[in-house]
Amino acid sequence: MNVIAVVVTYNRLELLKRNLSCLRRQTVPLTTLVVVDNGSTDGTGAWLDEQEDVKTIHQTNVGGAGGFYTGMEYARLADADWIWCMDDDVFPRPDCLEQLLAYAGYEGVGILAPRRLLEGRIYTNDFLSFNLTRPFSSMYSGRLSKMEVNSPVEISGTAFEGLFVRGEVVRLVGLPNKDLFIFCDDTDYCLRTVAAGYKILYVPTALMDKEKFFSDDSWGERNKKKKWKRFYQIRNSSYLNHHYGKNWAVKYLRGFNGVIGYILIAFFSAPFSGAYRWTDIPMFWKAYTDGIRERLGRL
């Protein structure tokens, strides 16, 4: 079986080393290990060029979405049976791939999703179904984080943090939407996969550990560091609702509700916190309007 792992990295060399070490120790060996380096400036590129067992693809920083687009395109052209997609901050346990492959023969399954652990605790934003009709409820219905799951369960959405996709799906559904840059590219891909008639199966015995970030930061420090990502989060979620929503309320109101929340936080916290400024408010509004107009790409 031709199993190709695709890892996307940017300026996190030590995490990448740990990730690749975990992939090299899998009880079922990978056919090919591909790393897409999104223009790292911390020595990652030079280190990768020394790794004889890694196929490295160097490119400019086109975000996670562009990274997975490139890596999955390589795997598709290499006629992969399965493609294992992940960022550099997740660390598969030795039998993770073996546990996933145990369910590869299930009828209709197009994607298998591992269980992620953060400091030993279950960490998941996976969900059972998409809500495309009720604007005042989340798009993500039946979150696994609120359930006790001890056996494989069919879901509708998972993350590019161990997503294990059948090569056949990539050849039919296509590649991730690289214009999303970061955020929601995995949700979009899952939506397209389910719409094509494939199932997504969550496998709780396939374990990956996830790195924890910002653990010692205050609310203000954490939000200041993450603020640049908010534009893409608001824009891309608004895009998903507009593009896939089944009625005008989902297409326009759900994204509006989301951006108003960020605008209010910025408005009231700006005088007291360094996280946001009043000048951020037009940026948030532009993110929403770009989303409903389906204007994507990197800022």
C-alpha atoms as a PDB file:
ATOM      1  CA  MET A   1       0.000   0.000   0.000  1.00  0.00           C
ATOM      2  CA  ASN A   2       1.322   3.406  -0.990  1.00  0.00           C
ATOM      3  CA  VAL A   3       0.954   5.639   2.092  1.00  0.00           C
ATOM      4  CA  ILE A   4       2.382   9.147   1.860  1.00  0.00           C
ATOM      5  CA  ALA A   5       2.620  11.527   4.814  1.00  0.00           C
ATOM      6  CA  VAL A   6       2.393  15.259   4.097  1.00  0.00           C
ATOM      7  CA  VAL A   7       3.690  17.630   6.784  1.00  0.00           C
ATOM      8  CA  VAL A   8       3.410  21.402   6.397  1.00  0.00           C
ATOM      9  CA  THR A   9       5.915  23.516   8.342  1.00  0.00           C
ATOM     10  CA  TYR A  10       6.903  27.122   8.858  1.00  0.00           C
ATOM     11  CA  ASN A  11       9.610  28.336  11.264  1.00  0.00           C
ATOM     12  CA  ARG A  12       9.136  25.615  13.890  1.00  0.00           C
ATOM     13  CA  LEU A  13      12.218  23.497  13.414  1.00  0.00           C
ATOM     14  CA  GLU A  14      12.299  21.857  16.842  1.00  0.00           C
ATOM     15  CA  LEU A  15       8.643  20.850  16.601  1.00  0.00           C
ATOM     16  CA  LEU A  16       9.226  19.546  13.082  1.00  0.00           C
ATOM     17  CA  LYS A  17      12.143  17.399  14.266  1.00  0.00           C
ATOM     18  CA  ARG A  18       9.931  15.842  16.927  1.00  0.00           C
ATOM     19  CA  ASN A  19       7.112  15.306  14.425  1.00  0.00           C
ATOM     20  CA  LEU A  20       9.373  13.561  11.912  1.00  0.00           C
ATOM     21  CA  SER A  21      10.899  11.434  14.641  1.00  0.00           C
ATOM     22  CA  CYS A  22       7.421  10.182  15.481  1.00  0.00           C
ATOM     23  CA  LEU A  23       6.622   9.462  11.844  1.00  0.00           C
ATOM     24  CA  ARG A  24       9.851   7.518  11.428  1.00  0.00           C
ATOM     25  CA  ARG A  25       8.964   5.302  14.384  1.00  0.00           C
ATOM     26  CA  GLN A  26       5.575   4.142  13.108  1.00  0.00           C
ATOM     27  CA  THR A  27       4.970   0.410  13.441  1.00  0.00           C
ATOM     28  CA  VAL A  28       3.766   0.455   9.825  1.00  0.00           C
ATOM     29  CA  PRO A  29       6.406   2.245   7.731  1.00  0.00           C
ATOM     30  CA  LEU A  30       5.412   5.066   5.426  1.00  0.00           C
ATOM     31  CA  THR A  31       6.085   4.760   1.716  1.00  0.00           C
ATOM     32  CA  THR A  32       7.129   8.398   1.415  1.00  0.00           C
ATOM     33  CA  LEU A  33       7.558  11.243   3.882  1.00  0.00           C
ATOM     34  CA  VAL A  34       6.894  14.652   2.315  1.00  0.00           C
ATOM     35  CA  VAL A  35       7.538  17.978   4.044  1.00  0.00           C
ATOM     36  CA  VAL A  36       6.304  21.221   2.523  1.00  0.00           C
ATOM     37  CA  ASP A  37       8.413  24.090   3.843  1.00  0.00           C
ATOM     38  CA  ASN A  38       6.495  27.348   3.515  1.00  0.00           C
ATOM     39  CA  GLY A  39       9.567  29.551   3.224  1.00  0.00           C
ATOM     40  CA  SER A  40      10.973  29.080   6.738  1.00  0.00           C
ATOM     41  CA  THR A  41      13.728  31.471   7.829  1.00  0.00           C
ATOM     42  CA  ASP A  42      14.915  29.638  10.960  1.00  0.00           C
ATOM     43  CA  GLY A  43      17.179  27.067   9.297  1.00  0.00           C
ATOM     44  CA  THR A  44      14.393  24.576   8.628  1.00  0.00           C
ATOM     45  CA  GLY A  45      15.054  24.476   4.893  1.00  0.00           C
ATOM     46  CA  ALA A  46      18.759  23.701   5.242  1.00  0.00           C
ATOM     47  CA  TRP A  47      18.097  21.020   7.864  1.00  0.00           C
ATOM     48  CA  LEU A  48      15.459  19.378   5.680  1.00  0.00           C
ATOM     49  CA  ASP A  49      17.835  19.262   2.721  1.00  0.00           C
ATOM     50  CA  GLU A  50      20.110  17.050   4.825  1.00  0.00           C
ATOM     51  CA  GLN A  51      17.360  14.489   5.534  1.00  0.00           C
ATOM     52  CA  GLU A  52      17.826  11.721   2.991  1.00  0.00           C
ATOM     53  CA  ASP A  53      14.536   9.997   3.810  1.00  0.00           C
ATOM     54  CA  VAL A  54      12.427  13.153   3.370  1.00  0.00           C
ATOM     55  CA  LYS A  55      11.056  14.548   0.119  1.00  0.00           C
ATOM     56  CA  THR A  56      11.207  18.300   0.749  1.00  0.00           C
ATOM     57  CA  ILE A  57       9.244  20.844  -1.263  1.00  0.00           C
ATOM     58  CA  HIS A  58      10.317  24.457  -0.759  1.00  0.00           C
ATOM     59  CA  GLN A  59       7.900  27.263  -1.538  1.00  0.00           C
ATOM     60  CA  THR A  60       6.927  30.736  -0.367  1.00  0.00           C
ATOM     61  CA  ASN A  61       4.591  31.099   2.591  1.00  0.00           C
ATOM     62  CA  VAL A  62       1.164  30.339   1.163  1.00  0.00           C
ATOM     63  CA  GLY A  63      -0.309  29.285   4.512  1.00  0.00           C
ATOM     64  CA  GLY A  64      -1.440  25.907   5.692  1.00  0.00           C
ATOM     65  CA  ALA A  65      -3.999  25.665   2.894  1.00  0.00           C
ATOM     66  CA  GLY A  66      -1.375  26.287   0.227  1.00  0.00           C
ATOM     67  CA  GLY A  67       0.995  23.888   1.924  1.00  0.00           C
ATOM     68  CA  PHE A  68      -1.499  21.035   1.929  1.00  0.00           C
ATOM     69  CA  TYR A  69      -2.468  21.876  -1.645  1.00  0.00           C
ATOM     70  CA  THR A  70       1.148  21.385  -2.739  1.00  0.00           C
ATOM     71  CA  GLY A  71       1.793  18.290  -0.643  1.00  0.00           C
ATOM     72  CA  MET A  72      -1.437  16.543  -1.584  1.00  0.00           C
ATOM     73  CA  GLU A  73      -0.833  17.355  -5.242  1.00  0.00           C
ATOM     74  CA  TYR A  74       2.559  15.623  -5.002  1.00  0.00           C
ATOM     75  CA  ALA A  75       0.950  12.600  -3.320  1.00  0.00           C
ATOM     76  CA  ARG A  76      -1.815  12.440  -5.899  1.00  0.00           C
ATOM     77  CA  LEU A  77       0.696  12.463  -8.756  1.00  0.00           C
ATOM     78  CA  ALA A  78       2.638   9.725  -6.913  1.00  0.00           C
ATOM     79  CA  ASP A  79      -0.553   7.633  -6.994  1.00  0.00           C
ATOM     80  CA  ALA A  80      -0.915   7.437  -3.208  1.00  0.00           C
ATOM     81  CA  ASP A  81      -3.482   5.027  -1.810  1.00  0.00           C
ATOM     82  CA  TRP A  82      -3.705   7.094   1.391  1.00  0.00           C
ATOM     83  CA  ILE A  83      -2.368  10.546   2.287  1.00  0.00           C
ATOM     84  CA  TRP A  84      -1.653  11.437   5.922  1.00  0.00           C
ATOM     85  CA  CYS A  85      -1.881  15.211   6.378  1.00  0.00           C
ATOM     86  CA  MET A  86      -0.642  17.097   9.428  1.00  0.00           C
ATOM     87  CA  ASP A  87       0.940  20.269  10.732  1.00  0.00           C
ATOM     88  CA  ASP A  88       4.339  20.152  12.425  1.00  0.00           C
ATOM     89  CA  ASP A  89       2.894  20.500  15.944  1.00  0.00           C
ATOM     90  CA  VAL A  90       1.265  17.067  16.246  1.00  0.00           C
ATOM     91  CA  PHE A  91       3.119  13.911  17.221  1.00  0.00           C
ATOM     92  CA  PRO A  92       1.667  10.523  16.216  1.00  0.00           C
ATOM     93  CA  ARG A  93       2.196   7.724  18.691  1.00  0.00           C
ATOM     94  CA  PRO A  94       4.044   4.670  17.292  1.00  0.00           C
ATOM     95  CA  ASP A  95       0.936   2.663  16.355  1.00  0.00           C
ATOM     96  CA  CYS A  96      -1.175   5.607  15.163  1.00  0.00           C
ATOM     97  CA  LEU A  97      -0.893   4.752  11.481  1.00  0.00           C
ATOM     98  CA  GLU A  98      -1.474   1.066  12.213  1.00  0.00           C
ATOM     99  CA  GLN A  99      -4.679   1.913  14.073  1.00  0.00           C
ATOM    100  CA  LEU A 100      -5.910   4.082  11.209  1.00  0.00           C
ATOM    101  CA  LEU A 101      -5.147   1.468   8.581  1.00  0.00           C
ATOM    102  CA  ALA A 102      -7.196  -1.078  10.515  1.00  0.00           C
ATOM    103  CA  TYR A 103     -10.286   0.814   9.290  1.00  0.00           C
ATOM    104  CA  ALA A 104      -9.076   1.570   5.775  1.00  0.00           C
ATOM    105  CA  GLY A 105     -11.214  -1.211   4.322  1.00  0.00           C
ATOM    106  CA  TYR A 106     -14.509   0.064   5.699  1.00  0.00           C
ATOM    107  CA  GLU A 107     -17.008   0.581   2.913  1.00  0.00           C
ATOM    108  CA  GLY A 108     -17.482   4.170   1.825  1.00  0.00           C
ATOM    109  CA  VAL A 109     -14.825   5.647   4.128  1.00  0.00           C
ATOM    110  CA  GLY A 110     -12.907   8.469   2.492  1.00  0.00           C
ATOM    111  CA  ILE A 111     -11.242  10.051   5.532  1.00  0.00           C
ATOM    112  CA  LEU A 112     -10.035   8.608   8.836  1.00  0.00           C
ATOM    113  CA  ALA A 113      -9.440  10.927  11.779  1.00  0.00           C
ATOM    114  CA  PRO A 114      -7.183  10.177  14.763  1.00  0.00           C
ATOM    115  CA  ARG A 115      -7.771  11.243  18.365  1.00  0.00           C
ATOM    116  CA  ARG A 116      -5.587  14.162  19.488  1.00  0.00           C
ATOM    117  CA  LEU A 117      -4.382  14.633  23.046  1.00  0.00           C
ATOM    118  CA  LEU A 118      -3.254  17.886  24.657  1.00  0.00           C
ATOM    119  CA  GLU A 119      -1.249  17.291  27.825  1.00  0.00           C
ATOM    120  CA  GLY A 120      -2.811  13.843  28.039  1.00  0.00           C
ATOM    121  CA  ARG A 121      -6.393  15.080  27.711  1.00  0.00           C
ATOM    122  CA  ILE A 122      -8.624  14.575  24.703  1.00  0.00           C
ATOM    123  CA  TYR A 123      -8.463  17.582  22.400  1.00  0.00           C
ATOM    124  CA  THR A 124     -10.932  17.688  19.549  1.00  0.00           C
ATOM    125  CA  ASN A 125     -12.949  20.059  17.427  1.00  0.00           C
ATOM    126  CA  ASP A 126     -14.371  17.191  15.368  1.00  0.00           C
ATOM    127  CA  PHE A 127     -18.139  17.110  14.941  1.00  0.00           C
ATOM    128  CA  LEU A 128     -20.944  14.847  13.774  1.00  0.00           C
ATOM    129  CA  SER A 129     -22.768  16.958  11.189  1.00  0.00           C
ATOM    130  CA  PHE A 130     -22.955  20.319   9.421  1.00  0.00           C
ATOM    131  CA  ASN A 131     -25.719  22.776  10.243  1.00  0.00           C
ATOM    132  CA  LEU A 132     -26.384  24.689   7.018  1.00  0.00           C
ATOM    133  CA  THR A 133     -29.955  25.795   7.746  1.00  0.00           C
ATOM    134  CA  ARG A 134     -30.168  27.349  11.251  1.00  0.00           C
ATOM    135  CA  PRO A 135     -28.313  30.688  11.353  1.00  0.00           C
ATOM    136  CA  PHE A 136     -28.295  31.209  15.107  1.00  0.00           C
ATOM    137  CA  SER A 137     -26.661  27.860  15.855  1.00  0.00           C
ATOM    138  CA  SER A 138     -23.103  26.816  15.087  1.00  0.00           C
ATOM    139  CA  MET A 139     -22.245  25.303  11.729  1.00  0.00           C
ATOM    140  CA  TYR A 140     -20.741  22.412  13.699  1.00  0.00           C
ATOM    141  CA  SER A 141     -23.369  20.138  15.249  1.00  0.00           C
ATOM    142  CA  GLY A 142     -22.640  17.334  17.694  1.00  0.00           C
ATOM    143  CA  ARG A 143     -19.157  18.273  18.853  1.00  0.00           C
ATOM    144  CA  LEU A 144     -17.202  15.240  20.058  1.00  0.00           C
ATOM    145  CA  SER A 145     -15.674  17.360  22.823  1.00  0.00           C
ATOM    146  CA  LYS A 146     -19.015  17.119  24.616  1.00  0.00           C
ATOM    147  CA  MET A 147     -19.296  13.339  24.234  1.00  0.00           C
ATOM    148  CA  GLU A 148     -17.593  10.225  25.504  1.00  0.00           C
ATOM    149  CA  VAL A 149     -16.402   8.313  22.453  1.00  0.00           C
ATOM    150  CA  ASN A 150     -14.763   4.920  22.999  1.00  0.00           C
ATOM    151  CA  SER A 151     -15.260   3.320  19.598  1.00  0.00           C
ATOM    152  CA  PRO A 152     -15.098   4.508  15.998  1.00  0.00           C
ATOM    153  CA  VAL A 153     -17.876   6.900  15.056  1.00  0.00           C
ATOM    154  CA  GLU A 154     -18.897   8.494  11.789  1.00  0.00           C
ATOM    155  CA  ILE A 155     -18.368  12.270  11.778  1.00  0.00           C
ATOM    156  CA  SER A 156     -18.581  15.073   9.233  1.00  0.00           C
ATOM    157  CA  GLY A 157     -15.603  17.255  10.104  1.00  0.00           C
ATOM    158  CA  THR A 158     -12.048  17.003  11.366  1.00  0.00           C
ATOM    159  CA  ALA A 159      -8.800  18.996  11.134  1.00  0.00           C
ATOM    160  CA  PHE A 160      -5.632  18.832   9.058  1.00  0.00           C
ATOM    161  CA  GLU A 161      -3.950  17.490  12.180  1.00  0.00           C
ATOM    162  CA  GLY A 162      -3.678  13.862  11.211  1.00  0.00           C
ATOM    163  CA  LEU A 163      -6.433  13.750   8.591  1.00  0.00           C
ATOM    164  CA  PHE A 164      -5.915  10.488   6.688  1.00  0.00           C
ATOM    165  CA  VAL A 165      -7.526  10.710   3.268  1.00  0.00           C
ATOM    166  CA  ARG A 166      -7.952   8.067   0.617  1.00  0.00           C
ATOM    167  CA  GLY A 167      -6.132   8.873  -2.617  1.00  0.00           C
ATOM    168  CA  GLU A 168      -9.315   8.135  -4.523  1.00  0.00           C
ATOM    169  CA  VAL A 169     -11.022  11.009  -2.699  1.00  0.00           C
ATOM    170  CA  VAL A 170      -8.325  13.483  -3.713  1.00  0.00           C
ATOM    171  CA  ARG A 171      -8.585  12.399  -7.332  1.00  0.00           C
ATOM    172  CA  LEU A 172     -12.367  12.899  -7.273  1.00  0.00           C
ATOM    173  CA  VAL A 173     -12.896  15.829  -4.875  1.00  0.00           C
ATOM    174  CA  GLY A 174      -9.710  17.675  -5.777  1.00  0.00           C
ATOM    175  CA  LEU A 175      -7.186  19.532  -3.641  1.00  0.00           C
ATOM    176  CA  PRO A 176      -7.743  21.892  -0.696  1.00  0.00           C
ATOM    177  CA  ASN A 177      -8.780  25.453  -1.490  1.00  0.00           C
ATOM    178  CA  LYS A 178      -5.394  27.165  -1.292  1.00  0.00           C
ATOM    179  CA  ASP A 179      -6.980  30.634  -1.415  1.00  0.00           C
ATOM    180  CA  LEU A 180      -8.234  30.182   2.151  1.00  0.00           C
ATOM    181  CA  PHE A 181      -4.576  30.585   3.296  1.00  0.00           C
ATOM    182  CA  ILE A 182      -5.231  29.561   6.929  1.00  0.00           C
ATOM    183  CA  PHE A 183      -8.366  28.511   8.827  1.00  0.00           C
ATOM    184  CA  CYS A 184     -11.340  26.505   7.578  1.00  0.00           C
ATOM    185  CA  ASP A 185      -9.452  24.780   4.741  1.00  0.00           C
ATOM    186  CA  ASP A 186      -9.945  21.459   6.533  1.00  0.00           C
ATOM    187  CA  THR A 187     -13.651  22.149   7.165  1.00  0.00           C
ATOM    188  CA  ASP A 188     -14.126  23.040   3.511  1.00  0.00           C
ATOM    189  CA  TYR A 189     -12.373  19.845   2.448  1.00  0.00           C
ATOM    190  CA  CYS A 190     -14.495  17.700   4.754  1.00  0.00           C
ATOM    191  CA  LEU A 191     -17.662  19.355   3.446  1.00  0.00           C
ATOM    192  CA  ARG A 192     -16.690  18.580  -0.124  1.00  0.00           C
ATOM    193  CA  THR A 193     -15.758  15.002   0.793  1.00  0.00           C
ATOM    194  CA  VAL A 194     -19.079  14.319   2.513  1.00  0.00           C
ATOM    195  CA  ALA A 195     -20.978  15.977  -0.346  1.00  0.00           C
ATOM    196  CA  ALA A 196     -19.238  13.570  -2.743  1.00  0.00           C
ATOM    197  CA  GLY A 197     -20.738  10.651  -0.817  1.00  0.00           C
ATOM    198  CA  TYR A 198     -17.775   9.547   1.300  1.00  0.00           C
ATOM    199  CA  LYS A 199     -17.791   8.875   5.041  1.00  0.00           C
ATOM    200  CA  ILE A 200     -15.418  10.280   7.655  1.00  0.00           C
ATOM    201  CA  LEU A 201     -14.590   7.949  10.542  1.00  0.00           C
ATOM    202  CA  TYR A 202     -13.139   9.082  13.873  1.00  0.00           C
ATOM    203  CA  VAL A 203     -10.793   6.420  15.304  1.00  0.00           C
ATOM    204  CA  PRO A 204     -10.226   6.949  19.057  1.00  0.00           C
ATOM    205  CA  THR A 205      -7.496   4.302  19.299  1.00  0.00           C
ATOM    206  CA  ALA A 206      -5.297   6.181  16.803  1.00  0.00           C
ATOM    207  CA  LEU A 207      -3.529   8.663  19.063  1.00  0.00           C
ATOM    208  CA  MET A 208      -1.561  11.842  18.395  1.00  0.00           C
ATOM    209  CA  ASP A 209      -0.206  14.330  20.923  1.00  0.00           C
ATOM    210  CA  LYS A 210      -0.577  18.039  20.217  1.00  0.00           C
ATOM    211  CA  GLU A 211       1.715  20.881  21.266  1.00  0.00           C
ATOM    212  CA  LYS A 212       0.241  23.470  23.626  1.00  0.00           C
ATOM    213  CA  PHE A 213       0.844  27.134  22.867  1.00  0.00           C
ATOM    214  CA  PHE A 214       0.363  30.363  24.850  1.00  0.00           C
ATOM    215  CA  SER A 215      -0.067  28.433  28.123  1.00  0.00           C
ATOM    216  CA  ASP A 216       1.533  31.148  30.265  1.00  0.00           C
ATOM    217  CA  ASP A 217       0.077  34.162  28.457  1.00  0.00           C
ATOM    218  CA  SER A 218      -2.620  36.453  29.794  1.00  0.00           C
ATOM    219  CA  TRP A 219      -5.823  36.984  27.813  1.00  0.00           C
ATOM    220  CA  GLY A 220      -4.413  40.173  26.335  1.00  0.00           C
ATOM    221  CA  GLU A 221      -1.054  38.688  25.385  1.00  0.00           C
ATOM    222  CA  ARG A 222      -2.633  35.606  23.828  1.00  0.00           C
ATOM    223  CA  ASN A 223      -5.111  37.596  21.749  1.00  0.00           C
ATOM    224  CA  LYS A 224      -2.468  40.093  20.650  1.00  0.00           C
ATOM    225  CA  LYS A 225      -0.306  37.264  19.295  1.00  0.00           C
ATOM    226  CA  LYS A 226      -3.246  35.646  17.516  1.00  0.00           C
ATOM    227  CA  LYS A 227      -4.877  38.836  16.241  1.00  0.00           C
ATOM    228  CA  TRP A 228      -3.383  38.658  12.752  1.00  0.00           C
ATOM    229  CA  LYS A 229      -5.128  35.322  12.286  1.00  0.00           C
ATOM    230  CA  ARG A 230      -8.565  36.705  13.176  1.00  0.00           C
ATOM    231  CA  PHE A 231      -9.019  38.231   9.726  1.00  0.00           C
ATOM    232  CA  TYR A 232      -8.734  34.815   8.082  1.00  0.00           C
ATOM    233  CA  GLN A 233     -10.880  33.160  10.733  1.00  0.00           C
ATOM    234  CA  ILE A 234     -13.727  35.661  10.251  1.00  0.00           C
ATOM    235  CA  ARG A 235     -13.404  35.837   6.480  1.00  0.00           C
ATOM    236  CA  ASN A 236     -13.164  32.105   5.871  1.00  0.00           C
ATOM    237  CA  SER A 237     -15.999  31.151   8.225  1.00  0.00           C
ATOM    238  CA  SER A 238     -18.154  33.818   6.547  1.00  0.00           C
ATOM    239  CA  TYR A 239     -17.149  32.362   3.178  1.00  0.00           C
ATOM    240  CA  LEU A 240     -18.133  28.830   4.223  1.00  0.00           C
ATOM    241  CA  ASN A 241     -21.540  29.987   5.443  1.00  0.00           C
ATOM    242  CA  HIS A 242     -22.153  31.991   2.290  1.00  0.00           C
ATOM    243  CA  HIS A 243     -20.890  29.336  -0.105  1.00  0.00           C
ATOM    244  CA  TYR A 244     -22.590  26.311   1.458  1.00  0.00           C
ATOM    245  CA  GLY A 245     -25.505  27.807   3.405  1.00  0.00           C
ATOM    246  CA  LYS A 246     -28.958  26.592   2.369  1.00  0.00           C
ATOM    247  CA  ASN A 247     -30.800  29.869   2.959  1.00  0.00           C
ATOM    248  CA  TRP A 248     -30.096  33.613   3.006  1.00  0.00           C
ATOM    249  CA  ALA A 249     -30.024  33.732   6.821  1.00  0.00           C
ATOM    250  CA  VAL A 250     -27.133  31.278   7.036  1.00  0.00           C
ATOM    251  CA  LYS A 251     -25.402  32.896   4.078  1.00  0.00           C
ATOM    252  CA  TYR A 252     -25.394  36.358   5.654  1.00  0.00           C
ATOM    253  CA  LEU A 253     -26.556  36.402   9.279  1.00  0.00           C
ATOM    254  CA  ARG A 254     -24.333  33.715  10.780  1.00  0.00           C
ATOM    255  CA  GLY A 255     -21.147  35.402   9.636  1.00  0.00           C
ATOM    256  CA  PHE A 256     -22.568  38.772  10.687  1.00  0.00           C
ATOM    257  CA  ASN A 257     -23.257  37.455  14.183  1.00  0.00           C
ATOM    258  CA  GLY A 258     -19.682  36.224  14.408  1.00  0.00           C
ATOM    259  CA  VAL A 259     -18.016  39.452  13.291  1.00  0.00           C
ATOM    260  CA  ILE A 260     -20.187  41.582  15.572  1.00  0.00           C
ATOM    261  CA  GLY A 261     -18.851  39.574  18.511  1.00  0.00           C
ATOM    262  CA  TYR A 262     -15.254  40.424  17.587  1.00  0.00           C
ATOM    263  CA  ILE A 263     -16.126  44.059  16.922  1.00  0.00           C
ATOM    264  CA  LEU A 264     -17.709  44.411  20.363  1.00  0.00           C
ATOM    265  CA  ILE A 265     -14.720  42.774  22.054  1.00  0.00           C
ATOM    266  CA  ALA A 266     -12.351  45.146  20.250  1.00  0.00           C
ATOM    267  CA  PHE A 267     -14.499  48.192  20.992  1.00  0.00           C
ATOM    268  CA  PHE A 268     -14.809  47.600  24.729  1.00  0.00           C
ATOM    269  CA  SER A 269     -11.348  46.113  25.419  1.00  0.00           C
ATOM    270  CA  ALA A 270      -9.252  48.566  23.372  1.00  0.00           C
ATOM    271  CA  PRO A 271      -8.934  51.205  26.137  1.00  0.00           C
ATOM    272  CA  PHE A 272      -7.868  48.644  28.752  1.00  0.00           C
ATOM    273  CA  SER A 273      -5.899  45.961  26.884  1.00  0.00           C
ATOM    274  CA  GLY A 274      -3.126  45.821  24.332  1.00  0.00           C
ATOM    275  CA  ALA A 275      -4.850  42.986  22.498  1.00  0.00           C
ATOM    276  CA  TYR A 276      -7.073  45.106  20.284  1.00  0.00           C
ATOM    277  CA  ARG A 277      -7.294  48.654  18.996  1.00  0.00           C
ATOM    278  CA  TRP A 278     -10.269  50.534  17.597  1.00  0.00           C
ATOM    279  CA  THR A 279      -8.485  50.512  14.249  1.00  0.00           C
ATOM    280  CA  ASP A 280      -8.969  46.736  14.191  1.00  0.00           C
ATOM    281  CA  ILE A 281     -12.729  47.165  13.792  1.00  0.00           C
ATOM    282  CA  PRO A 282     -12.632  48.090  10.064  1.00  0.00           C
ATOM    283  CA  MET A 283     -10.334  45.117   9.469  1.00  0.00           C
ATOM    284  CA  PHE A 284     -12.869  42.745  11.061  1.00  0.00           C
ATOM    285  CA  TRP A 285     -15.682  44.235   8.984  1.00  0.00           C
ATOM    286  CA  LYS A 286     -13.632  43.857   5.798  1.00  0.00           C
ATOM    287  CA  ALA A 287     -13.055  40.200   6.702  1.00  0.00           C
ATOM    288  CA  TYR A 288     -16.814  39.634   6.879  1.00  0.00           C
ATOM    289  CA  THR A 289     -17.584  41.465   3.639  1.00  0.00           C
ATOM    290  CA  ASP A 290     -14.761  39.690   1.811  1.00  0.00           C
ATOM    291  CA  GLY A 291     -16.184  36.386   3.047  1.00  0.00           C
ATOM    292  CA  ILE A 292     -19.737  36.936   1.827  1.00  0.00           C
ATOM    293  CA  ARG A 293     -18.371  38.244  -1.470  1.00  0.00           C
ATOM    294  CA  GLU A 294     -16.142  35.156  -1.629  1.00  0.00           C
ATOM    295  CA  ARG A 295     -13.008  37.221  -2.118  1.00  0.00           C
ATOM    296  CA  LEU A 296     -10.221  34.982  -0.849  1.00  0.00           C
ATOM    297  CA  GLY A 297      -6.424  34.908  -0.995  1.00  0.00           C
ATOM    298  CA  ARG A 298      -3.681  36.187   1.245  1.00  0.00           C
ATOM    299  CA  LEU A 299      -3.834  39.736   2.583  1.00  0.00           C
END
